[in-house]
Amino acid sequence: MRGNAALRILLLSGFIAVLMLLTGCNSGTLHQTYTFSGEGEHWSAIYSETVTEKPAQAKGGNAYYKASSEYNFQLAYKGDAKDLKKIKQFTYGFEALGHGSSQSMEGPVRIKSLHMYGSSDGSLNRGQAPIKVSVEWDGHQEQFELQLDGDEPE
């Protein structure tokens, strides 16, 4: 009976030690991912932004979180991929809260080139505002918005 009690105490002590070790390793850094999606008549897009907030301390001693983000934007053509080879002038881009990006190209459009990624230390969206997308190709133009998906953030 004493052996069982000693074993229980040993296991409980080990569990508490592991729990304390894991808690001590927590850096306090927060990560949240927001995903937006939407579509127009000819195009659809997905925008994903991972916000990282790290604890920091101001010179006056006040603690705060320093935020940064990494984004990933993917545009997709809803029609036949062969149609992309016929395009001669192509521009697409997005505008998010605090940042945006655009890209222009000539000649056949390659599916792999319909992707942008980057980072931002400015204003972070955190799902508060839709992402505006614009696409122009050979005299055609389409604009649509991406809305926050589901039960975000993850």
Protein backbone atom coordinates (compact mmCIF):
# COMPACT_ATOMS: atom_id res chain seq x y z
CA MET A 1 0.00 0.00 0.00
CA ARG A 2 2.85 2.36 0.85
CA GLY A 3 4.42 1.57 -2.53
CA ASN A 4 1.27 2.70 -4.36
CA ALA A 5 1.12 5.95 -2.40
CA ALA A 6 4.79 6.64 -3.07
CA LEU A 7 4.29 5.90 -6.78
CA ARG A 8 1.29 8.26 -6.92
CA ILE A 9 3.25 11.02 -5.21
CA LEU A 10 6.18 10.47 -7.57
CA LEU A 11 3.91 10.57 -10.66
CA LEU A 12 2.06 13.65 -9.38
CA SER A 13 5.36 15.40 -8.63
CA GLY A 14 6.63 14.55 -12.12
CA PHE A 15 3.44 15.85 -13.71
CA ILE A 16 3.65 19.11 -11.75
CA ALA A 17 7.33 19.52 -12.69
CA VAL A 18 6.55 19.05 -16.40
CA LEU A 19 3.62 21.46 -16.16
CA MET A 20 5.81 24.09 -14.47
CA LEU A 21 8.52 23.60 -17.11
CA LEU A 22 6.02 24.07 -19.95
CA THR A 23 4.52 27.14 -18.28
CA GLY A 24 7.99 28.63 -17.75
CA CYS A 25 8.79 28.20 -21.45
CA ASN A 26 5.78 30.23 -22.54
CA SER A 27 7.16 33.43 -24.06
CA GLY A 28 3.87 35.28 -23.93
CA THR A 29 3.90 35.64 -27.72
CA LEU A 30 0.44 35.54 -29.27
CA HIS A 31 -0.31 34.23 -32.78
CA GLN A 32 -3.66 34.64 -34.56
CA THR A 33 -4.54 33.76 -38.14
CA TYR A 34 -7.32 35.49 -40.04
CA THR A 35 -8.54 34.14 -43.39
CA PHE A 36 -10.62 36.13 -45.88
CA SER A 37 -12.21 34.84 -49.08
CA GLY A 38 -14.46 36.10 -51.83
CA GLU A 39 -15.12 36.11 -55.54
CA GLY A 40 -16.28 38.11 -58.50
CA GLU A 41 -17.66 36.95 -61.83
CA HIS A 42 -14.33 35.72 -63.27
CA TRP A 43 -11.92 35.66 -60.31
CA SER A 44 -11.77 34.45 -56.70
CA ALA A 45 -9.20 35.10 -53.99
CA ILE A 46 -8.05 34.04 -50.55
CA TYR A 47 -6.10 36.29 -48.18
CA SER A 48 -4.56 34.90 -45.00
CA GLU A 49 -2.86 37.04 -42.35
CA THR A 50 -1.00 35.74 -39.32
CA VAL A 51 -0.65 38.37 -36.62
CA THR A 52 2.17 37.95 -34.08
CA GLU A 53 2.19 40.00 -30.89
CA LYS A 54 5.32 39.87 -28.76
CA PRO A 55 5.59 41.31 -25.26
CA ALA A 56 7.79 44.40 -25.09
CA GLN A 57 8.62 47.07 -22.56
CA ALA A 58 8.75 50.81 -23.19
CA LYS A 59 11.58 52.96 -21.83
CA GLY A 60 9.25 54.19 -19.10
CA GLY A 61 8.72 50.62 -17.95
CA ASN A 62 5.21 50.15 -19.32
CA ALA A 63 4.60 46.77 -20.92
CA TYR A 64 2.87 46.44 -24.28
CA TYR A 65 2.61 44.04 -27.21
CA LYS A 66 4.56 44.77 -30.39
CA ALA A 67 2.53 43.53 -33.35
CA SER A 68 3.59 42.38 -36.80
CA SER A 69 1.95 40.30 -39.48
CA GLU A 70 2.68 38.07 -42.44
CA TYR A 71 0.18 37.82 -45.27
CA ASN A 72 -0.45 35.47 -48.15
CA PHE A 73 -2.70 36.45 -51.11
CA GLN A 74 -3.78 33.97 -53.79
CA LEU A 75 -5.84 34.93 -56.87
CA ALA A 76 -7.57 32.24 -58.96
CA TYR A 77 -9.24 32.36 -62.36
CA LYS A 78 -12.67 30.70 -62.32
CA GLY A 79 -12.67 29.82 -66.03
CA ASP A 80 -10.51 27.55 -68.16
CA ALA A 81 -6.79 27.95 -67.37
CA LYS A 82 -6.09 28.02 -71.13
CA ASP A 83 -7.80 31.44 -71.27
CA LEU A 84 -4.97 32.91 -69.18
CA LYS A 85 -2.50 32.26 -72.00
CA LYS A 86 -4.45 34.67 -74.25
CA ILE A 87 -4.13 37.66 -71.87
CA LYS A 88 -1.68 40.34 -73.03
CA GLN A 89 -1.93 42.99 -70.24
CA PHE A 90 -2.71 41.99 -66.67
CA THR A 91 -2.75 43.85 -63.33
CA TYR A 92 -4.12 42.64 -60.01
CA GLY A 93 -3.85 43.71 -56.40
CA PHE A 94 -5.45 44.04 -53.00
CA GLU A 95 -5.93 46.71 -50.35
CA ALA A 96 -6.06 45.66 -46.71
CA LEU A 97 -6.19 47.84 -43.61
CA GLY A 98 -2.74 49.45 -43.39
CA HIS A 99 -1.16 47.82 -46.44
CA GLY A 100 -1.72 46.55 -49.95
CA SER A 101 0.11 45.28 -52.98
CA SER A 102 -0.30 45.02 -56.74
CA GLN A 103 1.45 43.34 -59.62
CA SER A 104 1.41 43.95 -63.39
CA MET A 105 2.60 41.66 -66.16
CA GLU A 106 2.58 41.35 -69.93
CA GLY A 107 2.10 38.29 -72.05
CA PRO A 108 0.59 35.01 -71.01
CA VAL A 109 -0.43 34.88 -67.35
CA ARG A 110 0.94 31.95 -65.39
CA ILE A 111 -1.12 30.51 -62.57
CA LYS A 112 1.95 30.43 -60.29
CA SER A 113 2.34 34.20 -60.64
CA LEU A 114 -1.09 34.91 -59.12
CA HIS A 115 0.34 34.78 -55.61
CA MET A 116 1.73 37.50 -53.33
CA TYR A 117 3.09 37.34 -49.82
CA GLY A 118 4.82 39.74 -47.47
CA SER A 119 4.88 41.26 -44.02
CA SER A 120 3.71 44.40 -42.29
CA ASP A 121 4.48 46.23 -39.07
CA GLY A 122 1.86 48.91 -39.62
CA SER A 123 -1.86 48.81 -38.97
CA LEU A 124 -3.12 45.28 -38.57
CA ASN A 125 -6.53 44.22 -39.85
CA ARG A 126 -7.43 41.55 -37.26
CA GLY A 127 -10.55 40.80 -39.28
CA GLN A 128 -12.00 44.28 -38.80
CA ALA A 129 -12.31 45.32 -42.45
CA PRO A 130 -12.87 43.53 -45.77
CA ILE A 131 -10.00 43.17 -48.24
CA LYS A 132 -10.58 44.97 -51.56
CA VAL A 133 -9.39 43.15 -54.69
CA SER A 134 -9.05 44.59 -58.19
CA VAL A 135 -8.18 42.74 -61.41
CA GLU A 136 -7.64 44.30 -64.86
CA TRP A 137 -6.94 42.31 -68.02
CA ASP A 138 -7.02 43.37 -71.67
CA GLY A 139 -9.58 46.15 -71.16
CA HIS A 140 -11.72 44.23 -68.64
CA GLN A 141 -11.97 45.13 -64.97
CA GLU A 142 -13.37 43.35 -61.93
CA GLN A 143 -13.49 44.41 -58.29
CA PHE A 144 -14.74 42.45 -55.31
CA GLU A 145 -14.26 42.17 -51.54
CA LEU A 146 -12.95 39.38 -49.38
CA GLN A 147 -14.81 38.79 -46.12
CA LEU A 148 -13.57 37.18 -42.91
CA ASP A 149 -14.24 33.43 -42.93
CA GLY A 150 -16.09 31.51 -40.23
CA ASP A 151 -15.14 31.50 -36.58
CA GLU A 152 -11.88 33.41 -36.87
CA PRO A 153 -9.34 33.95 -35.41
CA GLU A 154 -7.72 30.53 -35.05
